[in-house]
């Protein structure tokens, strides 16, 4: 009898010590936060100033992809003929088969134009067949800013600060 009471007391104490706030999330409606260093699916970035993709359809990413999950077609850039853009060719269609992608990031490393970056997207479920996780529509709907754009913004913000303080611009030459 005494041992039974002792066992129930131990159970009661461990239950009280184990009380804590619930850790579950209402997943579909409240997404789990993703760390900034997380590498999700590749995404095609857009130049908002000219309203065209950074991609010039050079096909380097497609040739280096180990799973051959990407395909693209190129076209002549109509904005270049008008003098609004410096890119002669741009991508017309760009698709990544996300079911075949292994998230290795090789496409990002070999891209010379910073046109592909690894997004923070981590789930494949959508209501559309392709999901359209690439390009301008994705960036506008999710308010996602690519890391390359964030770096450019930070650099642009740092330059006026240096000029206000009267600090000389970094020239790369050692001071004497």
N, C-alpha and C. Protein backbone atom coordinates (compact mmCIF):
# COMPACT_ATOMS: atom_id res chain seq x y z
N UNK A 1 0.82 -1.20 0.00
CA UNK A 1 0.00 0.00 0.00
C UNK A 1 0.86 1.26 0.00
N UNK A 2 1.90 1.24 0.84
CA UNK A 2 2.78 2.39 0.93
C UNK A 2 3.56 2.59 -0.38
N UNK A 3 3.97 1.51 -0.98
CA UNK A 3 4.71 1.62 -2.24
C UNK A 3 3.81 2.16 -3.37
N UNK A 4 2.54 1.83 -3.34
CA UNK A 4 1.60 2.36 -4.35
C UNK A 4 1.45 3.86 -4.20
N UNK A 5 1.31 4.33 -2.97
CA UNK A 5 1.20 5.78 -2.72
C UNK A 5 2.48 6.51 -3.12
N UNK A 6 3.61 5.87 -2.83
CA UNK A 6 4.90 6.46 -3.18
C UNK A 6 5.03 6.58 -4.71
N UNK A 7 4.59 5.57 -5.44
CA UNK A 7 4.62 5.60 -6.90
C UNK A 7 3.70 6.67 -7.48
N UNK A 8 2.51 6.82 -6.89
CA UNK A 8 1.58 7.85 -7.35
C UNK A 8 2.12 9.25 -7.06
N UNK A 9 2.82 9.42 -5.93
CA UNK A 9 3.42 10.70 -5.59
C UNK A 9 4.52 11.06 -6.60
N UNK A 10 5.34 10.10 -6.95
CA UNK A 10 6.39 10.34 -7.95
C UNK A 10 5.77 10.73 -9.30
N UNK A 11 4.70 10.05 -9.68
CA UNK A 11 4.01 10.36 -10.92
C UNK A 11 3.42 11.77 -10.89
N UNK A 12 2.82 12.14 -9.77
CA UNK A 12 2.23 13.46 -9.62
C UNK A 12 3.30 14.55 -9.70
N UNK A 13 4.43 14.35 -9.02
CA UNK A 13 5.51 15.34 -9.04
C UNK A 13 6.07 15.50 -10.45
N UNK A 14 6.32 14.41 -11.17
CA UNK A 14 6.88 14.51 -12.53
C UNK A 14 5.87 15.13 -13.49
N UNK A 15 4.58 14.91 -13.27
CA UNK A 15 3.56 15.53 -14.11
C UNK A 15 3.53 17.04 -13.90
N UNK A 16 3.59 17.47 -12.66
CA UNK A 16 3.56 18.91 -12.36
C UNK A 16 4.81 19.59 -12.91
N UNK A 17 5.97 18.94 -12.77
CA UNK A 17 7.21 19.52 -13.30
C UNK A 17 7.20 19.58 -14.83
N UNK A 18 6.49 18.67 -15.44
CA UNK A 18 6.47 18.61 -16.90
C UNK A 18 5.46 19.53 -17.56
N UNK A 19 4.67 20.26 -16.78
CA UNK A 19 3.69 21.17 -17.36
C UNK A 19 4.40 22.33 -18.06
N UNK A 20 4.00 22.60 -19.27
CA UNK A 20 4.60 23.70 -20.04
C UNK A 20 3.60 24.14 -21.10
N UNK A 21 3.92 25.19 -21.76
CA UNK A 21 3.04 25.72 -22.80
C UNK A 21 3.03 24.75 -23.99
N UNK A 22 1.93 24.67 -24.72
CA UNK A 22 1.89 23.78 -25.88
C UNK A 22 2.88 24.24 -26.96
N UNK A 23 3.49 23.29 -27.66
CA UNK A 23 4.49 23.60 -28.67
C UNK A 23 3.97 23.37 -30.10
N UNK A 24 2.74 22.96 -30.22
CA UNK A 24 2.20 22.72 -31.55
C UNK A 24 1.85 24.04 -32.23
N UNK A 25 1.87 24.03 -33.57
CA UNK A 25 1.52 25.21 -34.36
C UNK A 25 0.32 24.87 -35.23
N UNK A 26 -0.45 25.85 -35.55
CA UNK A 26 -1.56 25.68 -36.48
C UNK A 26 -0.97 25.77 -37.88
N UNK A 27 -0.34 24.69 -38.35
CA UNK A 27 0.57 24.73 -39.49
C UNK A 27 0.05 25.36 -40.78
N UNK A 28 -1.01 24.94 -41.36
CA UNK A 28 -1.31 25.56 -42.65
C UNK A 28 -1.57 27.06 -42.57
N UNK A 29 -2.21 27.49 -41.49
CA UNK A 29 -2.54 28.91 -41.39
C UNK A 29 -1.41 29.73 -40.77
N UNK A 30 -0.59 29.14 -39.94
CA UNK A 30 0.54 29.84 -39.32
C UNK A 30 1.81 29.07 -39.69
N UNK A 31 2.56 29.56 -40.69
CA UNK A 31 3.75 28.81 -41.11
C UNK A 31 4.86 28.86 -40.06
N UNK A 32 5.66 27.83 -40.05
CA UNK A 32 6.79 27.75 -39.15
C UNK A 32 7.86 28.72 -39.61
N UNK A 33 8.43 29.53 -38.72
CA UNK A 33 9.48 30.46 -39.15
C UNK A 33 10.71 29.70 -39.63
N UNK A 34 11.35 30.25 -40.64
CA UNK A 34 12.52 29.61 -41.25
C UNK A 34 13.74 30.46 -40.93
N UNK A 35 14.84 29.81 -40.60
CA UNK A 35 16.08 30.52 -40.29
C UNK A 35 16.62 31.22 -41.53
N UNK A 36 17.30 32.35 -41.39
CA UNK A 36 17.82 33.08 -42.56
C UNK A 36 18.83 32.28 -43.37
N UNK A 37 19.53 31.37 -42.76
CA UNK A 37 20.55 30.61 -43.48
C UNK A 37 19.98 29.38 -44.21
N UNK A 38 18.68 29.14 -44.07
CA UNK A 38 18.05 27.97 -44.69
C UNK A 38 18.08 28.10 -46.21
N UNK A 39 18.48 27.02 -46.88
CA UNK A 39 18.49 26.99 -48.35
C UNK A 39 17.32 26.14 -48.82
N UNK A 40 16.30 26.79 -49.34
CA UNK A 40 15.15 26.09 -49.86
C UNK A 40 15.30 25.87 -51.36
N UNK A 41 14.19 25.95 -52.07
CA UNK A 41 14.20 25.71 -53.51
C UNK A 41 14.79 26.90 -54.26
N UNK A 42 15.40 26.65 -55.42
CA UNK A 42 15.95 27.75 -56.22
C UNK A 42 14.83 28.65 -56.73
N UNK A 43 15.14 29.94 -56.85
CA UNK A 43 14.17 30.90 -57.36
C UNK A 43 14.86 31.83 -58.34
N UNK A 44 14.16 32.18 -59.39
CA UNK A 44 14.65 33.12 -60.40
C UNK A 44 14.37 34.54 -59.93
N UNK A 45 15.36 35.41 -59.99
CA UNK A 45 15.19 36.77 -59.50
C UNK A 45 14.92 37.74 -60.65
N UNK A 46 14.28 38.85 -60.31
CA UNK A 46 13.88 39.86 -61.29
C UNK A 46 14.50 41.20 -60.96
N UNK A 47 14.84 41.92 -62.00
CA UNK A 47 15.33 43.28 -61.87
C UNK A 47 14.11 44.19 -61.87
N UNK A 48 13.76 44.72 -60.71
CA UNK A 48 12.55 45.52 -60.59
C UNK A 48 12.68 46.87 -61.30
N UNK A 49 13.91 47.37 -61.45
CA UNK A 49 14.10 48.67 -62.11
C UNK A 49 13.70 48.63 -63.57
N UNK A 50 14.02 47.51 -64.25
CA UNK A 50 13.76 47.39 -65.68
C UNK A 50 12.59 46.46 -65.96
N UNK A 51 12.13 45.75 -64.93
CA UNK A 51 11.02 44.80 -65.04
C UNK A 51 11.34 43.66 -66.01
N UNK A 52 12.49 43.02 -65.76
CA UNK A 52 12.89 41.86 -66.54
C UNK A 52 13.75 40.95 -65.66
N UNK A 53 13.89 39.69 -66.03
CA UNK A 53 14.71 38.79 -65.21
C UNK A 53 16.20 39.11 -65.36
N UNK A 54 16.95 38.80 -64.32
CA UNK A 54 18.40 38.92 -64.41
C UNK A 54 18.98 37.85 -65.32
N UNK A 55 18.25 36.77 -65.50
CA UNK A 55 18.72 35.62 -66.28
C UNK A 55 18.86 35.98 -67.75
N UNK A 56 20.00 35.62 -68.33
CA UNK A 56 20.24 35.83 -69.76
C UNK A 56 20.15 34.54 -70.55
N UNK A 57 19.68 33.48 -69.93
CA UNK A 57 19.52 32.17 -70.55
C UNK A 57 20.81 31.65 -71.15
N UNK A 58 21.89 31.79 -70.41
CA UNK A 58 23.19 31.29 -70.88
C UNK A 58 23.30 29.78 -70.71
N UNK A 59 22.38 29.17 -69.98
CA UNK A 59 22.26 27.72 -69.79
C UNK A 59 23.37 27.10 -68.96
N UNK A 60 24.18 27.89 -68.28
CA UNK A 60 25.26 27.34 -67.45
C UNK A 60 24.67 26.54 -66.29
N UNK A 61 23.60 27.05 -65.70
CA UNK A 61 22.99 26.33 -64.57
C UNK A 61 22.40 25.00 -65.03
N UNK A 62 21.82 24.99 -66.21
CA UNK A 62 21.20 23.77 -66.72
C UNK A 62 22.26 22.72 -67.02
N UNK A 63 23.38 23.13 -67.59
CA UNK A 63 24.44 22.19 -67.90
C UNK A 63 25.11 21.63 -66.66
N UNK A 64 25.16 22.40 -65.57
CA UNK A 64 25.83 21.96 -64.35
C UNK A 64 24.93 21.26 -63.35
N UNK A 65 23.64 21.25 -63.59
CA UNK A 65 22.70 20.63 -62.66
C UNK A 65 22.89 19.11 -62.66
N UNK A 66 23.15 18.49 -61.50
CA UNK A 66 23.38 17.04 -61.48
C UNK A 66 22.12 16.22 -61.77
N UNK A 67 20.94 16.77 -61.53
CA UNK A 67 19.71 16.01 -61.77
C UNK A 67 18.98 16.46 -63.03
N UNK A 68 19.50 17.44 -63.74
CA UNK A 68 18.90 17.98 -64.96
C UNK A 68 17.42 18.33 -64.74
N UNK A 69 17.15 19.06 -63.67
CA UNK A 69 15.77 19.40 -63.32
C UNK A 69 15.34 20.75 -63.89
N UNK A 70 16.22 21.45 -64.59
CA UNK A 70 15.89 22.77 -65.12
C UNK A 70 15.79 22.76 -66.63
N UNK A 71 14.94 23.66 -67.14
CA UNK A 71 14.87 23.88 -68.58
C UNK A 71 14.57 25.36 -68.81
N UNK A 72 15.09 25.89 -69.90
CA UNK A 72 14.89 27.31 -70.19
C UNK A 72 14.95 27.54 -71.69
N UNK A 73 14.30 28.60 -72.14
CA UNK A 73 14.42 29.07 -73.52
C UNK A 73 14.73 30.55 -73.47
N UNK A 74 15.50 31.02 -74.44
CA UNK A 74 15.88 32.42 -74.45
C UNK A 74 15.23 33.16 -75.60
N UNK A 75 15.22 34.48 -75.49
CA UNK A 75 14.69 35.33 -76.54
C UNK A 75 15.47 36.64 -76.57
N UNK A 76 15.36 37.36 -77.68
CA UNK A 76 15.98 38.67 -77.77
C UNK A 76 15.25 39.61 -76.82
N UNK A 77 15.99 40.47 -76.17
CA UNK A 77 15.41 41.38 -75.20
C UNK A 77 14.82 42.60 -75.90
N UNK A 78 13.50 42.79 -75.85
CA UNK A 78 12.91 43.96 -76.50
C UNK A 78 13.29 45.27 -75.81
N UNK A 79 13.57 45.24 -74.52
CA UNK A 79 13.96 46.45 -73.80
C UNK A 79 15.36 46.91 -74.17
N UNK A 80 16.19 45.99 -74.62
CA UNK A 80 17.54 46.36 -75.03
C UNK A 80 17.50 47.13 -76.35
N UNK A 81 16.58 46.75 -77.22
CA UNK A 81 16.42 47.46 -78.49
C UNK A 81 15.91 48.89 -78.27
N UNK A 82 15.12 49.07 -77.22
CA UNK A 82 14.61 50.40 -76.88
C UNK A 82 15.63 51.22 -76.09
N UNK A 83 16.71 50.59 -75.67
CA UNK A 83 17.75 51.29 -74.92
C UNK A 83 17.51 51.35 -73.42
N UNK A 84 16.54 50.59 -72.91
CA UNK A 84 16.22 50.60 -71.48
C UNK A 84 17.01 49.57 -70.69
N UNK A 85 17.60 48.58 -71.37
CA UNK A 85 18.30 47.50 -70.69
C UNK A 85 19.62 47.21 -71.39
N UNK A 86 20.58 46.69 -70.62
CA UNK A 86 21.87 46.33 -71.20
C UNK A 86 21.95 44.86 -71.58
N UNK A 87 20.94 44.07 -71.22
CA UNK A 87 20.96 42.64 -71.52
C UNK A 87 20.44 42.40 -72.93
N UNK A 88 21.26 41.73 -73.76
CA UNK A 88 20.85 41.45 -75.14
C UNK A 88 19.84 40.32 -75.21
N UNK A 89 20.06 39.28 -74.40
CA UNK A 89 19.17 38.12 -74.37
C UNK A 89 18.60 37.99 -72.96
N UNK A 90 17.37 37.54 -72.86
CA UNK A 90 16.78 37.23 -71.56
C UNK A 90 16.05 35.89 -71.67
N UNK A 91 15.70 35.37 -70.54
CA UNK A 91 15.02 34.09 -70.51
C UNK A 91 13.54 34.30 -70.86
N UNK A 92 13.03 33.43 -71.73
CA UNK A 92 11.61 33.49 -72.09
C UNK A 92 10.80 32.60 -71.16
N UNK A 93 11.24 31.35 -71.05
CA UNK A 93 10.62 30.43 -70.09
C UNK A 93 11.72 29.79 -69.27
N UNK A 94 11.44 29.59 -68.00
CA UNK A 94 12.41 28.98 -67.10
C UNK A 94 11.63 28.11 -66.14
N UNK A 95 11.92 26.83 -66.12
CA UNK A 95 11.20 25.91 -65.25
C UNK A 95 12.18 25.05 -64.48
N UNK A 96 11.83 24.81 -63.24
CA UNK A 96 12.58 23.88 -62.40
C UNK A 96 11.60 22.82 -61.92
N UNK A 97 11.92 21.57 -62.20
CA UNK A 97 11.11 20.47 -61.69
C UNK A 97 11.49 20.28 -60.23
N UNK A 98 10.68 20.82 -59.34
CA UNK A 98 11.01 20.81 -57.92
C UNK A 98 11.00 19.41 -57.32
N UNK A 99 10.34 18.48 -57.98
CA UNK A 99 10.35 17.10 -57.50
C UNK A 99 11.68 16.41 -57.75
N UNK A 100 12.43 16.89 -58.74
CA UNK A 100 13.73 16.30 -59.03
C UNK A 100 14.88 17.05 -58.39
N UNK A 101 14.65 18.30 -58.00
CA UNK A 101 15.71 19.14 -57.43
C UNK A 101 16.17 18.57 -56.09
N UNK A 102 17.49 18.49 -55.89
CA UNK A 102 18.04 17.97 -54.64
C UNK A 102 18.57 19.09 -53.74
N UNK A 103 18.29 20.34 -54.09
CA UNK A 103 18.65 21.51 -53.29
C UNK A 103 20.15 21.60 -53.03
N UNK A 104 20.95 21.25 -54.02
CA UNK A 104 22.40 21.26 -53.83
C UNK A 104 23.00 22.66 -53.96
N UNK A 105 22.34 23.56 -54.69
CA UNK A 105 22.82 24.93 -54.82
C UNK A 105 23.88 25.13 -55.89
N UNK A 106 24.16 24.12 -56.70
CA UNK A 106 25.17 24.27 -57.75
C UNK A 106 24.73 25.32 -58.76
N UNK A 107 23.45 25.38 -59.07
CA UNK A 107 22.94 26.36 -60.03
C UNK A 107 23.21 27.79 -59.54
N UNK A 108 23.13 28.01 -58.25
CA UNK A 108 23.38 29.34 -57.69
C UNK A 108 24.86 29.68 -57.79
N UNK A 109 25.71 28.70 -57.52
CA UNK A 109 27.15 28.94 -57.53
C UNK A 109 27.67 29.26 -58.93
N UNK A 110 27.14 28.60 -59.96
CA UNK A 110 27.68 28.78 -61.30
C UNK A 110 27.04 29.95 -62.05
N UNK A 111 25.96 30.52 -61.55
CA UNK A 111 25.29 31.62 -62.24
C UNK A 111 26.14 32.88 -62.16
N UNK A 112 26.51 33.41 -63.33
CA UNK A 112 27.35 34.60 -63.39
C UNK A 112 26.58 35.90 -63.18
N UNK A 113 25.26 35.85 -63.22
CA UNK A 113 24.45 37.06 -63.18
C UNK A 113 23.63 37.18 -61.90
N UNK A 114 23.85 36.31 -60.92
CA UNK A 114 23.06 36.27 -59.69
C UNK A 114 21.57 36.19 -59.99
N UNK A 115 21.22 35.43 -61.01
CA UNK A 115 19.83 35.31 -61.44
C UNK A 115 19.08 34.24 -60.66
N UNK A 116 19.80 33.30 -60.09
CA UNK A 116 19.17 32.23 -59.31
C UNK A 116 19.71 32.31 -57.89
N UNK A 117 18.79 32.26 -56.94
CA UNK A 117 19.18 32.22 -55.53
C UNK A 117 18.35 31.14 -54.85
N UNK A 118 18.84 30.67 -53.73
CA UNK A 118 18.09 29.69 -52.95
C UNK A 118 17.10 30.45 -52.07
N UNK A 119 15.83 30.16 -52.26
CA UNK A 119 14.79 30.86 -51.50
C UNK A 119 14.60 30.19 -50.14
N UNK A 120 13.65 30.68 -49.38
CA UNK A 120 13.32 30.07 -48.09
C UNK A 120 12.10 29.16 -48.22
N UNK A 121 11.69 28.88 -49.42
CA UNK A 121 10.53 28.02 -49.67
C UNK A 121 10.90 26.58 -49.34
N UNK A 122 10.05 25.90 -48.57
CA UNK A 122 10.40 24.54 -48.17
C UNK A 122 9.28 23.53 -48.38
N UNK A 123 8.12 23.97 -48.81
CA UNK A 123 7.04 23.00 -49.00
C UNK A 123 6.62 22.95 -50.46
N UNK A 124 6.25 21.75 -50.89
CA UNK A 124 5.89 21.53 -52.28
C UNK A 124 4.39 21.67 -52.55
N UNK A 125 3.58 21.73 -51.54
CA UNK A 125 2.13 21.70 -51.75
C UNK A 125 1.61 23.06 -52.18
N UNK A 126 0.94 23.09 -53.32
CA UNK A 126 0.29 24.30 -53.82
C UNK A 126 -1.00 23.89 -54.50
N UNK A 127 -1.79 24.87 -54.88
CA UNK A 127 -3.03 24.61 -55.59
C UNK A 127 -2.83 24.62 -57.10
N UNK A 128 -1.63 24.97 -57.55
CA UNK A 128 -1.33 25.01 -58.98
C UNK A 128 -0.41 23.86 -59.33
N UNK A 129 -0.43 23.47 -60.58
CA UNK A 129 0.36 22.33 -61.00
C UNK A 129 1.86 22.60 -60.88
N UNK A 130 2.33 23.70 -61.44
CA UNK A 130 3.76 24.02 -61.38
C UNK A 130 4.11 24.73 -60.09
N UNK A 131 3.15 25.35 -59.46
CA UNK A 131 3.44 26.06 -58.23
C UNK A 131 3.93 27.47 -58.45
N UNK A 132 4.54 27.74 -59.59
CA UNK A 132 5.04 29.06 -59.96
C UNK A 132 5.81 29.71 -58.82
N UNK A 133 6.85 29.03 -58.34
CA UNK A 133 7.67 29.57 -57.26
C UNK A 133 8.82 30.40 -57.80
N UNK A 134 8.79 30.69 -59.06
CA UNK A 134 9.90 31.38 -59.69
C UNK A 134 9.47 32.73 -60.21
N UNK A 135 10.40 33.64 -60.27
CA UNK A 135 10.17 34.87 -60.99
C UNK A 135 9.42 35.95 -60.24
N UNK A 136 8.95 36.88 -61.04
CA UNK A 136 8.37 38.10 -60.54
C UNK A 136 7.11 37.87 -59.71
N UNK A 137 6.26 36.99 -60.15
CA UNK A 137 5.02 36.74 -59.42
C UNK A 137 5.30 36.22 -58.02
N UNK A 138 6.23 35.30 -57.90
CA UNK A 138 6.60 34.75 -56.59
C UNK A 138 7.14 35.85 -55.68
N UNK A 139 8.02 36.70 -56.21
CA UNK A 139 8.62 37.75 -55.40
C UNK A 139 7.57 38.75 -54.92
N UNK A 140 6.61 39.08 -55.77
CA UNK A 140 5.60 40.07 -55.39
C UNK A 140 4.58 39.49 -54.42
N UNK A 141 4.16 38.25 -54.62
CA UNK A 141 3.14 37.65 -53.75
C UNK A 141 3.66 37.38 -52.35
N UNK A 142 4.92 37.04 -52.24
CA UNK A 142 5.46 36.68 -50.93
C UNK A 142 6.27 37.80 -50.28
N UNK A 143 6.45 38.92 -50.98
CA UNK A 143 7.29 40.03 -50.49
C UNK A 143 8.69 39.56 -50.14
N UNK A 144 9.17 38.56 -50.86
CA UNK A 144 10.48 37.98 -50.61
C UNK A 144 11.52 38.80 -51.36
N UNK A 145 12.58 39.19 -50.67
CA UNK A 145 13.67 39.94 -51.30
C UNK A 145 14.87 39.00 -51.37
N UNK A 146 15.40 38.75 -52.57
CA UNK A 146 16.54 37.84 -52.70
C UNK A 146 17.75 38.36 -51.93
N UNK A 147 18.61 37.46 -51.44
CA UNK A 147 19.79 37.88 -50.69
C UNK A 147 20.71 38.79 -51.51
N UNK A 148 20.76 38.60 -52.81
CA UNK A 148 21.60 39.47 -53.64
C UNK A 148 21.10 40.90 -53.62
N UNK A 149 19.78 41.08 -53.63
CA UNK A 149 19.19 42.42 -53.56
C UNK A 149 19.41 43.03 -52.18
N UNK A 150 19.30 42.22 -51.13
CA UNK A 150 19.54 42.72 -49.77
C UNK A 150 20.97 43.22 -49.63
N UNK A 151 21.93 42.50 -50.22
CA UNK A 151 23.33 42.91 -50.15
C UNK A 151 23.54 44.22 -50.90
N UNK A 152 22.89 44.38 -52.06
CA UNK A 152 23.00 45.64 -52.81
C UNK A 152 22.40 46.80 -52.02
N UNK A 153 21.26 46.56 -51.37
CA UNK A 153 20.63 47.61 -50.57
C UNK A 153 21.49 48.00 -49.37
N UNK A 154 22.10 47.02 -48.73
CA UNK A 154 22.96 47.30 -47.58
C UNK A 154 24.19 48.08 -48.01
N UNK A 155 24.74 47.74 -49.16
CA UNK A 155 25.92 48.44 -49.68
C UNK A 155 25.56 49.88 -50.04
N UNK A 156 24.41 50.08 -50.66
CA UNK A 156 23.97 51.42 -51.03
C UNK A 156 23.68 52.26 -49.79
N UNK A 157 23.15 51.64 -48.75
CA UNK A 157 22.86 52.37 -47.51
C UNK A 157 24.14 52.73 -46.76
N UNK A 158 25.17 51.91 -46.90
CA UNK A 158 26.42 52.16 -46.19
C UNK A 158 27.22 53.29 -46.84
N UNK A 159 27.12 53.47 -48.14
CA UNK A 159 27.89 54.50 -48.83
C UNK A 159 27.52 55.91 -48.39
N UNK A 160 26.22 56.27 -48.33
CA UNK A 160 25.91 57.63 -47.87
C UNK A 160 26.31 57.88 -46.41
N UNK A 161 26.26 56.84 -45.59
CA UNK A 161 26.68 56.97 -44.20
C UNK A 161 28.15 57.32 -44.11
N UNK A 162 28.97 56.66 -44.94
CA UNK A 162 30.40 56.94 -44.95
C UNK A 162 30.67 58.36 -45.43
N UNK A 163 29.90 58.81 -46.41
CA UNK A 163 30.11 60.16 -46.94
C UNK A 163 29.68 61.22 -45.93
N UNK A 164 28.62 60.95 -45.16
CA UNK A 164 28.15 61.90 -44.14
C UNK A 164 29.19 62.06 -43.04
N UNK A 165 29.82 60.95 -42.66
CA UNK A 165 30.80 60.98 -41.59
C UNK A 165 32.11 61.58 -42.05
N UNK A 166 32.28 61.79 -43.34
CA UNK A 166 33.51 62.35 -43.86
C UNK A 166 34.61 61.33 -44.02
N UNK A 167 34.25 60.07 -43.90
CA UNK A 167 35.24 59.02 -44.05
C UNK A 167 35.57 58.85 -45.53
N UNK A 168 36.84 58.66 -45.84
CA UNK A 168 37.20 58.45 -47.26
C UNK A 168 36.65 57.12 -47.75
N UNK A 169 36.33 57.09 -49.01
CA UNK A 169 35.81 55.86 -49.61
C UNK A 169 36.90 54.81 -49.62
N UNK A 170 36.52 53.56 -49.45
CA UNK A 170 37.49 52.46 -49.46
C UNK A 170 38.07 52.32 -50.85
N UNK A 171 39.37 52.49 -50.97
CA UNK A 171 39.99 52.43 -52.29
C UNK A 171 40.75 51.14 -52.51
N UNK A 172 40.94 50.36 -51.47
CA UNK A 172 41.66 49.11 -51.62
C UNK A 172 43.16 49.27 -51.46
N UNK A 173 43.63 50.52 -51.34
CA UNK A 173 45.06 50.76 -51.18
C UNK A 173 45.38 50.88 -49.70
N UNK A 174 46.51 50.33 -49.26
CA UNK A 174 46.87 50.44 -47.85
C UNK A 174 47.23 51.88 -47.50
N UNK A 175 46.88 52.28 -46.29
CA UNK A 175 47.20 53.64 -45.83
C UNK A 175 48.67 53.70 -45.45
N UNK A 176 49.29 54.83 -45.73
CA UNK A 176 50.71 55.00 -45.43
C UNK A 176 50.91 55.51 -44.03
